[in-house]
Amino acid sequence: MPSLAEVAGLHARTRRRLAQVAAGEAARLWSQVDRDRIGLSWLSLLPRLLVLLTGAQQAAAGRADGYLDEVLDAQGVAPSAAGRVSAAALAGVASDGRDLADLLYQPAVRTLVGIQRGATVDQALAGGGAGLDMLVRTQVADAGRVADQVAMTARPQATGYVRMLVGASCSRCAILAGRRYGWSAGFQRHPRLPLRLRAHPGSRGHRR
């Protein structure tokens, strides 16, 4: 049986690969933007990215039930879920609730604003591409984290979660890592946050 650290590590690496693939495809599409028609050309490319990112979000969310069962099992707790995560419900929408296509158009807006403020086209496009990379990675990660929390809520045995570091992290994340939070506590994060949650068993009638 894999250890708790192994289960959590594999889960994080798989999610990270999904985000990397989606970000790579986003970069490839961004490289096709017409320098003379930035807004219109990006609009024509968005449908392909939207399909790919929606699929990546759904794939990330679809791992939640299996992950929670494995985490509880690794801690000697027999998992029993009151329901299953609907991964499709967490895909195709931005984590702040807006339409995903609207969010994905923002790099074009950033690029055009940069040009208006005096940046060269190359500089502005580079800035827009960096913003797109952050957006895509964050949306995949958020879909996965929300799914993990939904799956945790559906399992009465999971009373909370522990924040865990993944790779290099900022000082604020390092301070929060290892802390235990109640099952209903929100997961605070900044874009591209390299943290994961690990469900913690116990009784929800007893909270800390």
C-alpha atoms as a PDB file:
ATOM      1  CA  MET A   1       0.000   0.000   0.000  1.00  0.00           C
ATOM      2  CA  PRO A   2       1.439   3.437  -0.928  1.00  0.00           C
ATOM      3  CA  SER A   3       2.194   5.811   1.919  1.00  0.00           C
ATOM      4  CA  LEU A   4       0.246   9.003   2.523  1.00  0.00           C
ATOM      5  CA  ALA A   5       3.142  11.080   1.192  1.00  0.00           C
ATOM      6  CA  GLU A   6       3.326   8.940  -1.955  1.00  0.00           C
ATOM      7  CA  VAL A   7      -0.407   9.269  -2.609  1.00  0.00           C
ATOM      8  CA  ALA A   8      -0.332  13.035  -2.144  1.00  0.00           C
ATOM      9  CA  GLY A   9       2.838  13.389  -4.201  1.00  0.00           C
ATOM     10  CA  LEU A  10       1.486  11.427  -7.156  1.00  0.00           C
ATOM     11  CA  HIS A  11      -1.748  13.419  -7.040  1.00  0.00           C
ATOM     12  CA  ALA A  12       0.141  16.717  -7.107  1.00  0.00           C
ATOM     13  CA  ARG A  13       2.451  15.633  -9.928  1.00  0.00           C
ATOM     14  CA  THR A  14      -0.451  14.450 -12.071  1.00  0.00           C
ATOM     15  CA  ARG A  15      -2.306  17.728 -11.579  1.00  0.00           C
ATOM     16  CA  ARG A  16       0.842  19.682 -12.341  1.00  0.00           C
ATOM     17  CA  ARG A  17       1.355  17.765 -15.601  1.00  0.00           C
ATOM     18  CA  LEU A  18      -2.198  18.567 -16.660  1.00  0.00           C
ATOM     19  CA  ALA A  19      -1.562  22.255 -16.040  1.00  0.00           C
ATOM     20  CA  GLN A  20       1.756  22.133 -17.885  1.00  0.00           C
ATOM     21  CA  VAL A  21       0.214  20.514 -20.951  1.00  0.00           C
ATOM     22  CA  ALA A  22      -2.621  23.051 -21.025  1.00  0.00           C
ATOM     23  CA  ALA A  23      -0.176  25.942 -20.563  1.00  0.00           C
ATOM     24  CA  GLY A  24       2.036  24.603 -23.345  1.00  0.00           C
ATOM     25  CA  GLU A  25      -0.877  24.462 -25.767  1.00  0.00           C
ATOM     26  CA  ALA A  26      -1.939  27.959 -24.713  1.00  0.00           C
ATOM     27  CA  ALA A  27       1.564  29.232 -25.475  1.00  0.00           C
ATOM     28  CA  ARG A  28       1.514  27.538 -28.875  1.00  0.00           C
ATOM     29  CA  LEU A  29      -1.770  29.206 -29.758  1.00  0.00           C
ATOM     30  CA  TRP A  30      -0.599  32.575 -28.405  1.00  0.00           C
ATOM     31  CA  SER A  31       2.416  32.375 -30.723  1.00  0.00           C
ATOM     32  CA  GLN A  32      -0.029  32.377 -33.649  1.00  0.00           C
ATOM     33  CA  VAL A  33      -1.523  35.770 -32.754  1.00  0.00           C
ATOM     34  CA  ASP A  34      -1.367  38.201 -35.675  1.00  0.00           C
ATOM     35  CA  ARG A  35       0.686  41.221 -34.566  1.00  0.00           C
ATOM     36  CA  ASP A  36      -1.483  43.492 -36.728  1.00  0.00           C
ATOM     37  CA  ARG A  37      -4.813  42.047 -35.544  1.00  0.00           C
ATOM     38  CA  ILE A  38      -4.115  41.048 -31.960  1.00  0.00           C
ATOM     39  CA  GLY A  39      -7.646  41.118 -30.575  1.00  0.00           C
ATOM     40  CA  LEU A  40      -9.416  39.594 -33.575  1.00  0.00           C
ATOM     41  CA  SER A  41      -6.815  36.920 -34.192  1.00  0.00           C
ATOM     42  CA  TRP A  42      -6.851  35.830 -30.529  1.00  0.00           C
ATOM     43  CA  LEU A  43     -10.639  35.608 -30.659  1.00  0.00           C
ATOM     44  CA  SER A  44     -10.332  33.216 -33.589  1.00  0.00           C
ATOM     45  CA  LEU A  45      -7.919  31.013 -31.619  1.00  0.00           C
ATOM     46  CA  LEU A  46      -9.840  31.027 -28.344  1.00  0.00           C
ATOM     47  CA  PRO A  47     -12.311  28.203 -29.202  1.00  0.00           C
ATOM     48  CA  ARG A  48      -9.462  25.699 -29.466  1.00  0.00           C
ATOM     49  CA  LEU A  49      -7.947  26.785 -26.165  1.00  0.00           C
ATOM     50  CA  LEU A  50     -11.330  26.787 -24.474  1.00  0.00           C
ATOM     51  CA  VAL A  51     -11.934  23.158 -25.448  1.00  0.00           C
ATOM     52  CA  LEU A  52      -8.487  22.120 -24.266  1.00  0.00           C
ATOM     53  CA  LEU A  53      -8.622  24.022 -20.977  1.00  0.00           C
ATOM     54  CA  THR A  54     -12.120  22.751 -20.210  1.00  0.00           C
ATOM     55  CA  GLY A  55     -10.861  19.226 -20.746  1.00  0.00           C
ATOM     56  CA  ALA A  56      -7.866  19.825 -18.485  1.00  0.00           C
ATOM     57  CA  GLN A  57     -10.124  21.238 -15.758  1.00  0.00           C
ATOM     58  CA  GLN A  58     -12.416  18.224 -15.994  1.00  0.00           C
ATOM     59  CA  ALA A  59      -9.480  15.814 -15.897  1.00  0.00           C
ATOM     60  CA  ALA A  60      -8.072  17.577 -12.816  1.00  0.00           C
ATOM     61  CA  ALA A  61     -11.439  17.545 -11.057  1.00  0.00           C
ATOM     62  CA  GLY A  62     -12.088  13.942 -12.054  1.00  0.00           C
ATOM     63  CA  ARG A  63      -9.234  12.705  -9.870  1.00  0.00           C
ATOM     64  CA  ALA A  64     -10.710  14.029  -6.630  1.00  0.00           C
ATOM     65  CA  ASP A  65     -12.853  11.080  -5.523  1.00  0.00           C
ATOM     66  CA  GLY A  66     -10.112   8.541  -6.096  1.00  0.00           C
ATOM     67  CA  TYR A  67      -7.579  10.741  -4.351  1.00  0.00           C
ATOM     68  CA  LEU A  68      -9.709  11.247  -1.249  1.00  0.00           C
ATOM     69  CA  ASP A  69     -10.405   7.508  -1.016  1.00  0.00           C
ATOM     70  CA  GLU A  70      -6.677   6.748  -1.299  1.00  0.00           C
ATOM     71  CA  VAL A  71      -5.747   9.391   1.287  1.00  0.00           C
ATOM     72  CA  LEU A  72      -8.229   8.048   3.823  1.00  0.00           C
ATOM     73  CA  ASP A  73      -7.218   4.469   3.106  1.00  0.00           C
ATOM     74  CA  ALA A  74      -3.555   5.363   3.641  1.00  0.00           C
ATOM     75  CA  GLN A  75      -4.523   6.668   7.095  1.00  0.00           C
ATOM     76  CA  GLY A  76      -6.362   3.468   7.979  1.00  0.00           C
ATOM     77  CA  VAL A  77      -9.850   4.883   7.450  1.00  0.00           C
ATOM     78  CA  ALA A  78     -12.400   3.043   5.324  1.00  0.00           C
ATOM     79  CA  PRO A  79     -13.677   5.650   2.835  1.00  0.00           C
ATOM     80  CA  SER A  80     -17.412   6.005   2.382  1.00  0.00           C
ATOM     81  CA  ALA A  81     -18.775   8.809   0.211  1.00  0.00           C
ATOM     82  CA  ALA A  82     -22.249  10.293   0.398  1.00  0.00           C
ATOM     83  CA  GLY A  83     -21.890  11.383  -3.232  1.00  0.00           C
ATOM     84  CA  ARG A  84     -19.464  11.748  -6.098  1.00  0.00           C
ATOM     85  CA  VAL A  85     -17.890  14.855  -7.608  1.00  0.00           C
ATOM     86  CA  SER A  86     -19.395  16.065 -10.882  1.00  0.00           C
ATOM     87  CA  ALA A  87     -16.166  16.991 -12.644  1.00  0.00           C
ATOM     88  CA  ALA A  88     -18.025  18.449 -15.617  1.00  0.00           C
ATOM     89  CA  ALA A  89     -19.722  20.993 -13.339  1.00  0.00           C
ATOM     90  CA  LEU A  90     -16.315  22.406 -12.390  1.00  0.00           C
ATOM     91  CA  ALA A  91     -15.051  22.721 -15.972  1.00  0.00           C
ATOM     92  CA  GLY A  92     -15.676  25.412 -18.560  1.00  0.00           C
ATOM     93  CA  VAL A  93     -16.049  28.153 -15.972  1.00  0.00           C
ATOM     94  CA  ALA A  94     -13.441  30.393 -14.355  1.00  0.00           C
ATOM     95  CA  SER A  95     -12.734  29.932 -10.663  1.00  0.00           C
ATOM     96  CA  ASP A  96     -14.065  33.426  -9.940  1.00  0.00           C
ATOM     97  CA  GLY A  97     -17.398  32.491 -11.561  1.00  0.00           C
ATOM     98  CA  ARG A  98     -17.051  34.404 -14.817  1.00  0.00           C
ATOM     99  CA  ASP A  99     -17.260  32.879 -18.281  1.00  0.00           C
ATOM    100  CA  LEU A 100     -14.001  31.096 -19.057  1.00  0.00           C
ATOM    101  CA  ALA A 101     -13.781  32.563 -22.562  1.00  0.00           C
ATOM    102  CA  ASP A 102     -14.002  36.088 -21.121  1.00  0.00           C
ATOM    103  CA  LEU A 103     -11.127  35.343 -18.767  1.00  0.00           C
ATOM    104  CA  LEU A 104      -8.997  33.877 -21.552  1.00  0.00           C
ATOM    105  CA  TYR A 105      -9.424  37.028 -23.634  1.00  0.00           C
ATOM    106  CA  GLN A 106      -7.729  39.129 -20.949  1.00  0.00           C
ATOM    107  CA  PRO A 107      -4.167  38.495 -22.241  1.00  0.00           C
ATOM    108  CA  ALA A 108      -5.166  40.226 -25.494  1.00  0.00           C
ATOM    109  CA  VAL A 109      -6.525  43.157 -23.507  1.00  0.00           C
ATOM    110  CA  ARG A 110      -3.309  43.303 -21.475  1.00  0.00           C
ATOM    111  CA  THR A 111      -1.275  43.279 -24.679  1.00  0.00           C
ATOM    112  CA  LEU A 112      -3.256  46.073 -26.311  1.00  0.00           C
ATOM    113  CA  VAL A 113      -3.123  48.200 -23.161  1.00  0.00           C
ATOM    114  CA  GLY A 114       0.627  47.667 -22.997  1.00  0.00           C
ATOM    115  CA  ILE A 115       1.033  48.900 -26.557  1.00  0.00           C
ATOM    116  CA  GLN A 116      -1.108  51.951 -25.788  1.00  0.00           C
ATOM    117  CA  ARG A 117       1.162  52.725 -22.850  1.00  0.00           C
ATOM    118  CA  GLY A 118       4.310  52.659 -24.969  1.00  0.00           C
ATOM    119  CA  ALA A 119       5.515  49.065 -24.926  1.00  0.00           C
ATOM    120  CA  THR A 120       6.762  47.559 -28.153  1.00  0.00           C
ATOM    121  CA  VAL A 121       4.577  44.916 -29.760  1.00  0.00           C
ATOM    122  CA  ASP A 122       7.073  42.218 -28.782  1.00  0.00           C
ATOM    123  CA  GLN A 123       7.155  43.398 -25.178  1.00  0.00           C
ATOM    124  CA  ALA A 124       3.379  43.606 -24.977  1.00  0.00           C
ATOM    125  CA  LEU A 125       2.900  40.166 -26.516  1.00  0.00           C
ATOM    126  CA  ALA A 126       5.413  38.694 -24.072  1.00  0.00           C
ATOM    127  CA  GLY A 127       3.479  40.226 -21.183  1.00  0.00           C
ATOM    128  CA  GLY A 128       0.208  38.895 -22.537  1.00  0.00           C
ATOM    129  CA  GLY A 129       1.736  35.450 -22.945  1.00  0.00           C
ATOM    130  CA  ALA A 130       3.002  35.450 -19.360  1.00  0.00           C
ATOM    131  CA  GLY A 131      -0.466  36.407 -18.142  1.00  0.00           C
ATOM    132  CA  LEU A 132      -2.041  33.655 -20.225  1.00  0.00           C
ATOM    133  CA  ASP A 133       0.334  31.074 -18.766  1.00  0.00           C
ATOM    134  CA  MET A 134      -0.622  32.094 -15.228  1.00  0.00           C
ATOM    135  CA  LEU A 135      -4.339  32.077 -16.039  1.00  0.00           C
ATOM    136  CA  VAL A 136      -4.306  28.620 -17.586  1.00  0.00           C
ATOM    137  CA  ARG A 137      -2.255  27.004 -14.831  1.00  0.00           C
ATOM    138  CA  THR A 138      -4.366  28.632 -12.134  1.00  0.00           C
ATOM    139  CA  GLN A 139      -7.668  27.518 -13.677  1.00  0.00           C
ATOM    140  CA  VAL A 140      -6.565  23.895 -13.899  1.00  0.00           C
ATOM    141  CA  ALA A 141      -5.237  23.963 -10.335  1.00  0.00           C
ATOM    142  CA  ASP A 142      -8.357  25.648  -8.962  1.00  0.00           C
ATOM    143  CA  ALA A 143     -10.705  23.141 -10.610  1.00  0.00           C
ATOM    144  CA  GLY A 144      -8.730  20.354  -8.985  1.00  0.00           C
ATOM    145  CA  ARG A 145      -8.607  21.973  -5.540  1.00  0.00           C
ATOM    146  CA  VAL A 146     -12.325  22.741  -5.533  1.00  0.00           C
ATOM    147  CA  ALA A 147     -13.051  19.148  -6.550  1.00  0.00           C
ATOM    148  CA  ASP A 148     -10.846  17.865  -3.714  1.00  0.00           C
ATOM    149  CA  GLN A 149     -12.772  19.979  -1.218  1.00  0.00           C
ATOM    150  CA  VAL A 150     -16.127  18.836  -2.599  1.00  0.00           C
ATOM    151  CA  ALA A 151     -14.978  15.213  -2.374  1.00  0.00           C
ATOM    152  CA  MET A 152     -13.810  15.814   1.185  1.00  0.00           C
ATOM    153  CA  THR A 153     -17.162  17.307   2.143  1.00  0.00           C
ATOM    154  CA  ALA A 154     -18.896  14.196   0.782  1.00  0.00           C
ATOM    155  CA  ARG A 155     -16.866  11.972   3.125  1.00  0.00           C
ATOM    156  CA  PRO A 156     -17.882  12.369   6.784  1.00  0.00           C
ATOM    157  CA  GLN A 157     -14.655  10.657   7.839  1.00  0.00           C
ATOM    158  CA  ALA A 158     -12.636  13.595   6.496  1.00  0.00           C
ATOM    159  CA  THR A 159     -12.893  16.343   9.096  1.00  0.00           C
ATOM    160  CA  GLY A 160     -10.308  18.691   7.664  1.00  0.00           C
ATOM    161  CA  TYR A 161      -7.206  19.080   5.568  1.00  0.00           C
ATOM    162  CA  VAL A 162      -3.512  19.805   5.938  1.00  0.00           C
ATOM    163  CA  ARG A 163      -1.790  22.194   3.546  1.00  0.00           C
ATOM    164  CA  MET A 164       1.279  20.655   1.912  1.00  0.00           C
ATOM    165  CA  LEU A 165       4.063  22.232  -0.128  1.00  0.00           C
ATOM    166  CA  VAL A 166       4.791  21.198  -3.708  1.00  0.00           C
ATOM    167  CA  GLY A 167       8.235  22.243  -4.919  1.00  0.00           C
ATOM    168  CA  ALA A 168       9.586  25.748  -4.359  1.00  0.00           C
ATOM    169  CA  SER A 169       7.149  27.954  -2.455  1.00  0.00           C
ATOM    170  CA  CYS A 170       7.037  31.495  -1.147  1.00  0.00           C
ATOM    171  CA  SER A 171       7.578  32.324   2.527  1.00  0.00           C
ATOM    172  CA  ARG A 172       3.863  32.818   3.163  1.00  0.00           C
ATOM    173  CA  CYS A 173       3.028  29.388   1.751  1.00  0.00           C
ATOM    174  CA  ALA A 174       5.849  27.789   3.745  1.00  0.00           C
ATOM    175  CA  ILE A 175       4.437  29.214   6.981  1.00  0.00           C
ATOM    176  CA  LEU A 176       0.965  27.837   6.234  1.00  0.00           C
ATOM    177  CA  ALA A 177       2.190  24.391   5.180  1.00  0.00           C
ATOM    178  CA  GLY A 178       1.499  21.681   7.742  1.00  0.00           C
ATOM    179  CA  ARG A 179      -1.399  23.508   9.354  1.00  0.00           C
ATOM    180  CA  ARG A 180      -4.671  21.677   9.794  1.00  0.00           C
ATOM    181  CA  TYR A 181      -7.937  23.338   8.775  1.00  0.00           C
ATOM    182  CA  GLY A 182     -11.541  22.296   9.350  1.00  0.00           C
ATOM    183  CA  TRP A 183     -13.321  20.626   6.442  1.00  0.00           C
ATOM    184  CA  SER A 184     -15.415  23.765   5.766  1.00  0.00           C
ATOM    185  CA  ALA A 185     -12.500  26.231   5.876  1.00  0.00           C
ATOM    186  CA  GLY A 186     -11.699  27.994   2.612  1.00  0.00           C
ATOM    187  CA  PHE A 187      -8.421  27.302   0.822  1.00  0.00           C
ATOM    188  CA  GLN A 188      -6.671  30.672   0.467  1.00  0.00           C
ATOM    189  CA  ARG A 189      -4.203  30.845  -2.417  1.00  0.00           C
ATOM    190  CA  HIS A 190      -2.484  33.134  -4.878  1.00  0.00           C
ATOM    191  CA  PRO A 191      -2.146  32.376  -8.614  1.00  0.00           C
ATOM    192  CA  ARG A 192      -0.086  29.264  -9.492  1.00  0.00           C
ATOM    193  CA  LEU A 193       0.028  28.372  -5.777  1.00  0.00           C
ATOM    194  CA  PRO A 194       2.281  25.285  -5.319  1.00  0.00           C
ATOM    195  CA  LEU A 195       0.272  23.802  -2.446  1.00  0.00           C
ATOM    196  CA  ARG A 196      -1.966  20.773  -2.146  1.00  0.00           C
ATOM    197  CA  LEU A 197      -4.431  19.648   0.484  1.00  0.00           C
ATOM    198  CA  ARG A 198      -4.451  16.318   2.283  1.00  0.00           C
ATOM    199  CA  ALA A 199      -7.665  15.154   3.897  1.00  0.00           C
ATOM    200  CA  HIS A 200      -7.492  14.502   7.632  1.00  0.00           C
ATOM    201  CA  PRO A 201      -9.793  11.928   9.291  1.00  0.00           C
ATOM    202  CA  GLY A 202     -11.737  12.326  12.515  1.00  0.00           C
ATOM    203  CA  SER A 203     -15.175  13.289  13.741  1.00  0.00           C
ATOM    204  CA  ARG A 204     -16.858  16.416  12.435  1.00  0.00           C
ATOM    205  CA  GLY A 205     -18.588  16.762  15.750  1.00  0.00           C
ATOM    206  CA  HIS A 206     -15.204  17.638  17.237  1.00  0.00           C
ATOM    207  CA  ARG A 207     -13.480  20.570  15.557  1.00  0.00           C
ATOM    208  CA  ARG A 208     -10.306  22.453  16.281  1.00  0.00           C
END
